[in-house]
Amino acid sequence: MKLWRRSMGATFDTRLMRGYTGPYAEAVSNRLKEIAADESEHAEKLRDRITALGGEPTMETAKEELIAVVNLKQISLSMLKEEAKAIDHISPFLKCRSAGGSSPV
């Protein structure tokens, strides 16, 4: 079982797809791998930006942010939940920026 970590790049454990069959199993597995790679790239860019601004990136996280997933349905629900959180978090920054203001933080 892998733990998905919010904002630090996702990892995808191919063992989660074992036992899944059907016409879309391989496509779903490949897409989840692509998403994990994309999230990892985003985490790297975030780490580089934090460093450029004089901060020190960390891999530490609160245990309540770790989500254990054991099947495809849980992966999908977890991803939807985390994407919704990200949108809620980013929206105030986008609204402020589009209005010509400064960061709300």
N, C-alpha and C. Protein backbone atom coordinates (compact mmCIF):
# COMPACT_ATOMS: atom_id res chain seq x y z
N MET A 1 0.84 -1.17 0.00
CA MET A 1 0.00 0.00 0.00
C MET A 1 0.89 1.24 0.00
N LYS A 2 0.62 2.16 -0.89
CA LYS A 2 1.35 3.41 -0.94
C LYS A 2 0.51 4.50 -0.30
N LEU A 3 1.18 5.51 0.21
CA LEU A 3 0.48 6.66 0.75
C LEU A 3 0.60 7.80 -0.25
N TRP A 4 -0.51 8.42 -0.55
CA TRP A 4 -0.50 9.57 -1.43
C TRP A 4 -0.26 10.78 -0.57
N ARG A 5 0.57 11.66 -1.01
CA ARG A 5 0.96 12.81 -0.20
C ARG A 5 0.58 14.09 -0.92
N ARG A 6 -0.27 14.84 -0.32
CA ARG A 6 -0.75 16.07 -0.91
C ARG A 6 0.38 17.06 -1.10
N SER A 7 0.42 17.69 -2.25
CA SER A 7 1.35 18.77 -2.59
C SER A 7 2.81 18.34 -2.67
N MET A 8 3.12 17.10 -2.54
CA MET A 8 4.51 16.68 -2.61
C MET A 8 4.72 15.65 -3.71
N GLY A 9 3.76 15.53 -4.57
CA GLY A 9 3.90 14.58 -5.67
C GLY A 9 3.34 13.24 -5.27
N ALA A 10 2.60 12.68 -6.14
CA ALA A 10 1.97 11.40 -5.87
C ALA A 10 2.86 10.28 -6.35
N THR A 11 2.73 9.18 -5.69
CA THR A 11 3.39 7.98 -6.19
C THR A 11 2.30 6.99 -6.53
N PHE A 12 2.52 6.19 -7.51
CA PHE A 12 1.52 5.21 -7.91
C PHE A 12 2.14 3.83 -7.82
N ASP A 13 1.53 2.99 -7.04
CA ASP A 13 1.99 1.63 -6.84
C ASP A 13 1.25 0.73 -7.81
N THR A 14 1.96 0.16 -8.77
CA THR A 14 1.31 -0.67 -9.78
C THR A 14 0.65 -1.90 -9.18
N ARG A 15 1.03 -2.27 -7.95
CA ARG A 15 0.37 -3.41 -7.31
C ARG A 15 -1.11 -3.15 -7.09
N LEU A 16 -1.50 -1.88 -7.04
CA LEU A 16 -2.92 -1.56 -6.85
C LEU A 16 -3.75 -2.01 -8.04
N MET A 17 -3.13 -2.14 -9.19
CA MET A 17 -3.87 -2.54 -10.39
C MET A 17 -3.88 -4.05 -10.58
N ARG A 18 -3.13 -4.77 -9.78
CA ARG A 18 -3.14 -6.23 -9.91
C ARG A 18 -4.53 -6.76 -9.63
N GLY A 19 -4.96 -7.67 -10.42
CA GLY A 19 -6.27 -8.25 -10.23
C GLY A 19 -7.37 -7.51 -10.97
N TYR A 20 -7.06 -6.30 -11.45
CA TYR A 20 -8.04 -5.57 -12.24
C TYR A 20 -7.90 -6.02 -13.68
N THR A 21 -9.01 -6.37 -14.25
CA THR A 21 -9.00 -6.81 -15.64
C THR A 21 -10.08 -6.04 -16.39
N GLY A 22 -10.13 -6.28 -17.64
CA GLY A 22 -11.15 -5.62 -18.44
C GLY A 22 -10.51 -4.78 -19.51
N PRO A 23 -11.33 -4.25 -20.36
CA PRO A 23 -10.81 -3.53 -21.53
C PRO A 23 -10.07 -2.23 -21.18
N TYR A 24 -10.29 -1.68 -19.98
CA TYR A 24 -9.69 -0.39 -19.64
C TYR A 24 -8.62 -0.48 -18.57
N ALA A 25 -8.34 -1.67 -18.06
CA ALA A 25 -7.40 -1.82 -16.94
C ALA A 25 -6.02 -1.25 -17.29
N GLU A 26 -5.49 -1.59 -18.43
CA GLU A 26 -4.16 -1.10 -18.81
C GLU A 26 -4.17 0.41 -19.04
N ALA A 27 -5.21 0.92 -19.66
CA ALA A 27 -5.31 2.35 -19.91
C ALA A 27 -5.40 3.13 -18.60
N VAL A 28 -6.18 2.63 -17.66
CA VAL A 28 -6.32 3.30 -16.36
C VAL A 28 -4.99 3.28 -15.62
N SER A 29 -4.32 2.14 -15.63
CA SER A 29 -3.02 2.03 -14.97
C SER A 29 -2.02 3.01 -15.58
N ASN A 30 -1.98 3.08 -16.90
CA ASN A 30 -1.06 4.00 -17.57
C ASN A 30 -1.39 5.45 -17.26
N ARG A 31 -2.68 5.78 -17.22
CA ARG A 31 -3.07 7.16 -16.93
C ARG A 31 -2.70 7.55 -15.50
N LEU A 32 -2.88 6.64 -14.55
CA LEU A 32 -2.51 6.93 -13.17
C LEU A 32 -1.00 7.13 -13.04
N LYS A 33 -0.23 6.39 -13.79
CA LYS A 33 1.21 6.59 -13.79
C LYS A 33 1.57 7.96 -14.35
N GLU A 34 0.87 8.39 -15.41
CA GLU A 34 1.11 9.71 -15.99
C GLU A 34 0.78 10.80 -14.97
N ILE A 35 -0.33 10.65 -14.27
CA ILE A 35 -0.73 11.63 -13.26
C ILE A 35 0.32 11.72 -12.16
N ALA A 36 0.80 10.56 -11.71
CA ALA A 36 1.81 10.54 -10.65
C ALA A 36 3.08 11.25 -11.11
N ALA A 37 3.49 11.02 -12.36
CA ALA A 37 4.69 11.68 -12.88
C ALA A 37 4.47 13.19 -12.98
N ASP A 38 3.29 13.60 -13.40
CA ASP A 38 2.97 15.02 -13.50
C ASP A 38 2.98 15.68 -12.12
N GLU A 39 2.41 15.02 -11.14
CA GLU A 39 2.40 15.55 -9.77
C GLU A 39 3.82 15.65 -9.22
N SER A 40 4.64 14.69 -9.55
CA SER A 40 6.04 14.72 -9.11
C SER A 40 6.77 15.91 -9.73
N GLU A 41 6.49 16.19 -10.99
CA GLU A 41 7.10 17.35 -11.66
C GLU A 41 6.64 18.65 -10.99
N HIS A 42 5.36 18.72 -10.65
CA HIS A 42 4.84 19.91 -9.96
C HIS A 42 5.53 20.09 -8.61
N ALA A 43 5.73 19.00 -7.89
CA ALA A 43 6.40 19.08 -6.60
C ALA A 43 7.83 19.59 -6.76
N GLU A 44 8.51 19.15 -7.81
CA GLU A 44 9.88 19.60 -8.07
C GLU A 44 9.91 21.10 -8.36
N LYS A 45 8.96 21.57 -9.16
CA LYS A 45 8.89 23.00 -9.47
C LYS A 45 8.60 23.81 -8.20
N LEU A 46 7.70 23.29 -7.37
CA LEU A 46 7.38 23.97 -6.12
C LEU A 46 8.60 24.02 -5.22
N ARG A 47 9.32 22.91 -5.13
CA ARG A 47 10.54 22.88 -4.32
C ARG A 47 11.56 23.90 -4.83
N ASP A 48 11.73 23.97 -6.14
CA ASP A 48 12.68 24.93 -6.73
C ASP A 48 12.24 26.37 -6.44
N ARG A 49 10.96 26.63 -6.50
CA ARG A 49 10.46 27.99 -6.25
C ARG A 49 10.65 28.38 -4.79
N ILE A 50 10.38 27.45 -3.88
CA ILE A 50 10.59 27.71 -2.45
C ILE A 50 12.05 28.04 -2.19
N THR A 51 12.94 27.28 -2.80
CA THR A 51 14.38 27.51 -2.65
C THR A 51 14.78 28.87 -3.23
N ALA A 52 14.25 29.20 -4.40
CA ALA A 52 14.57 30.48 -5.04
C ALA A 52 14.12 31.67 -4.20
N LEU A 53 13.07 31.48 -3.43
CA LEU A 53 12.57 32.56 -2.58
C LEU A 53 13.24 32.57 -1.21
N GLY A 54 14.26 31.73 -1.03
CA GLY A 54 15.01 31.72 0.22
C GLY A 54 14.47 30.77 1.28
N GLY A 55 13.50 29.99 0.94
CA GLY A 55 12.94 29.03 1.89
C GLY A 55 13.66 27.70 1.85
N GLU A 56 13.26 26.83 2.70
CA GLU A 56 13.84 25.50 2.74
C GLU A 56 12.71 24.48 2.60
N PRO A 57 12.63 23.85 1.42
CA PRO A 57 11.56 22.86 1.22
C PRO A 57 11.75 21.66 2.16
N THR A 58 10.64 21.07 2.51
CA THR A 58 10.69 19.93 3.41
C THR A 58 9.76 18.84 2.90
N MET A 59 10.05 17.64 3.26
CA MET A 59 9.17 16.52 2.94
C MET A 59 8.31 16.14 4.13
N GLU A 60 8.40 16.93 5.18
CA GLU A 60 7.59 16.66 6.35
C GLU A 60 6.14 17.02 6.06
N THR A 61 5.25 16.27 6.64
CA THR A 61 3.82 16.54 6.47
C THR A 61 3.08 16.07 7.71
N ALA A 62 1.94 16.63 7.92
CA ALA A 62 1.11 16.20 9.03
C ALA A 62 0.52 14.84 8.69
N LYS A 63 0.51 13.95 9.65
CA LYS A 63 0.00 12.60 9.40
C LYS A 63 -1.44 12.61 8.90
N GLU A 64 -2.23 13.61 9.30
CA GLU A 64 -3.62 13.66 8.83
C GLU A 64 -3.73 13.96 7.35
N GLU A 65 -2.63 14.38 6.72
CA GLU A 65 -2.65 14.63 5.28
C GLU A 65 -2.30 13.39 4.47
N LEU A 66 -1.90 12.32 5.11
CA LEU A 66 -1.59 11.07 4.42
C LEU A 66 -2.87 10.28 4.23
N ILE A 67 -3.07 9.80 3.04
CA ILE A 67 -4.28 9.08 2.72
C ILE A 67 -3.90 7.68 2.23
N ALA A 68 -4.27 6.67 3.00
CA ALA A 68 -4.00 5.30 2.59
C ALA A 68 -5.07 4.85 1.60
N VAL A 69 -4.62 4.33 0.48
CA VAL A 69 -5.56 3.84 -0.53
C VAL A 69 -5.20 2.39 -0.87
N VAL A 70 -6.23 1.59 -1.08
CA VAL A 70 -5.97 0.18 -1.35
C VAL A 70 -6.63 -0.31 -2.63
N ASN A 71 -7.43 0.53 -3.27
CA ASN A 71 -8.04 0.09 -4.51
C ASN A 71 -8.29 1.29 -5.43
N LEU A 72 -8.69 0.99 -6.63
CA LEU A 72 -8.87 2.01 -7.66
C LEU A 72 -9.93 3.03 -7.28
N LYS A 73 -11.02 2.58 -6.69
CA LYS A 73 -12.07 3.50 -6.28
C LYS A 73 -11.55 4.49 -5.24
N GLN A 74 -10.80 4.00 -4.27
CA GLN A 74 -10.24 4.88 -3.25
C GLN A 74 -9.24 5.87 -3.85
N ILE A 75 -8.46 5.42 -4.82
CA ILE A 75 -7.52 6.31 -5.49
C ILE A 75 -8.30 7.44 -6.16
N SER A 76 -9.34 7.09 -6.90
CA SER A 76 -10.12 8.09 -7.62
C SER A 76 -10.77 9.08 -6.67
N LEU A 77 -11.38 8.58 -5.61
CA LEU A 77 -12.03 9.47 -4.64
C LEU A 77 -11.02 10.37 -3.94
N SER A 78 -9.86 9.80 -3.61
CA SER A 78 -8.80 10.58 -2.97
C SER A 78 -8.31 11.69 -3.89
N MET A 79 -8.12 11.37 -5.15
CA MET A 79 -7.65 12.36 -6.12
C MET A 79 -8.67 13.49 -6.29
N LEU A 80 -9.95 13.14 -6.37
CA LEU A 80 -10.99 14.16 -6.51
C LEU A 80 -11.03 15.07 -5.29
N LYS A 81 -10.92 14.48 -4.11
CA LYS A 81 -10.94 15.26 -2.87
C LYS A 81 -9.76 16.22 -2.82
N GLU A 82 -8.57 15.74 -3.16
CA GLU A 82 -7.38 16.57 -3.11
C GLU A 82 -7.41 17.67 -4.17
N GLU A 83 -7.93 17.38 -5.35
CA GLU A 83 -8.05 18.41 -6.38
C GLU A 83 -9.02 19.50 -5.94
N ALA A 84 -10.12 19.11 -5.31
CA ALA A 84 -11.09 20.09 -4.81
C ALA A 84 -10.45 20.98 -3.75
N LYS A 85 -9.64 20.38 -2.87
CA LYS A 85 -8.92 21.16 -1.85
C LYS A 85 -7.97 22.16 -2.51
N ALA A 86 -7.26 21.71 -3.53
CA ALA A 86 -6.30 22.59 -4.22
C ALA A 86 -7.03 23.76 -4.87
N ILE A 87 -8.16 23.50 -5.50
CA ILE A 87 -8.93 24.57 -6.13
C ILE A 87 -9.41 25.56 -5.08
N ASP A 88 -9.93 25.06 -3.96
CA ASP A 88 -10.38 25.94 -2.88
C ASP A 88 -9.23 26.78 -2.34
N HIS A 89 -8.05 26.20 -2.27
CA HIS A 89 -6.88 26.91 -1.74
C HIS A 89 -6.38 27.98 -2.70
N ILE A 90 -6.39 27.68 -3.99
CA ILE A 90 -5.82 28.57 -4.99
C ILE A 90 -6.80 29.66 -5.43
N SER A 91 -8.08 29.41 -5.37
CA SER A 91 -9.09 30.36 -5.87
C SER A 91 -8.93 31.78 -5.33
N PRO A 92 -8.73 31.99 -4.02
CA PRO A 92 -8.58 33.37 -3.54
C PRO A 92 -7.39 34.10 -4.18
N PHE A 93 -6.31 33.38 -4.45
CA PHE A 93 -5.14 33.99 -5.08
C PHE A 93 -5.46 34.41 -6.50
N LEU A 94 -6.19 33.56 -7.21
CA LEU A 94 -6.54 33.87 -8.60
C LEU A 94 -7.51 35.04 -8.66
N LYS A 95 -8.48 35.09 -7.76
CA LYS A 95 -9.45 36.20 -7.74
C LYS A 95 -8.74 37.51 -7.44
N CYS A 96 -7.85 37.48 -6.49
CA CYS A 96 -7.10 38.68 -6.11
C CYS A 96 -6.23 39.16 -7.27
N ARG A 97 -5.57 38.21 -7.89
CA ARG A 97 -4.68 38.55 -9.00
C ARG A 97 -5.46 39.13 -10.18
N SER A 98 -6.62 38.52 -10.50
CA SER A 98 -7.39 39.01 -11.64
C SER A 98 -7.98 40.39 -11.35
N ALA A 99 -8.14 40.73 -10.07
CA ALA A 99 -8.65 42.05 -9.71
C ALA A 99 -7.52 43.08 -9.61
N GLY A 100 -6.29 42.65 -9.84
CA GLY A 100 -5.15 43.55 -9.82
C GLY A 100 -4.59 43.80 -8.44
N GLY A 101 -5.01 43.00 -7.48
CA GLY A 101 -4.52 43.16 -6.12
C GLY A 101 -3.29 42.35 -5.84
N SER A 102 -2.86 42.41 -4.59
CA SER A 102 -1.71 41.62 -4.18
C SER A 102 -2.21 40.34 -3.54
N SER A 103 -1.28 39.49 -3.19
CA SER A 103 -1.59 38.19 -2.59
C SER A 103 -2.42 38.35 -1.33
N PRO A 104 -3.44 37.51 -1.13
CA PRO A 104 -4.26 37.60 0.07
C PRO A 104 -3.56 37.09 1.32
N VAL A 105 -2.35 36.60 1.18
CA VAL A 105 -1.63 36.07 2.35
C VAL A 105 -0.69 37.12 2.88
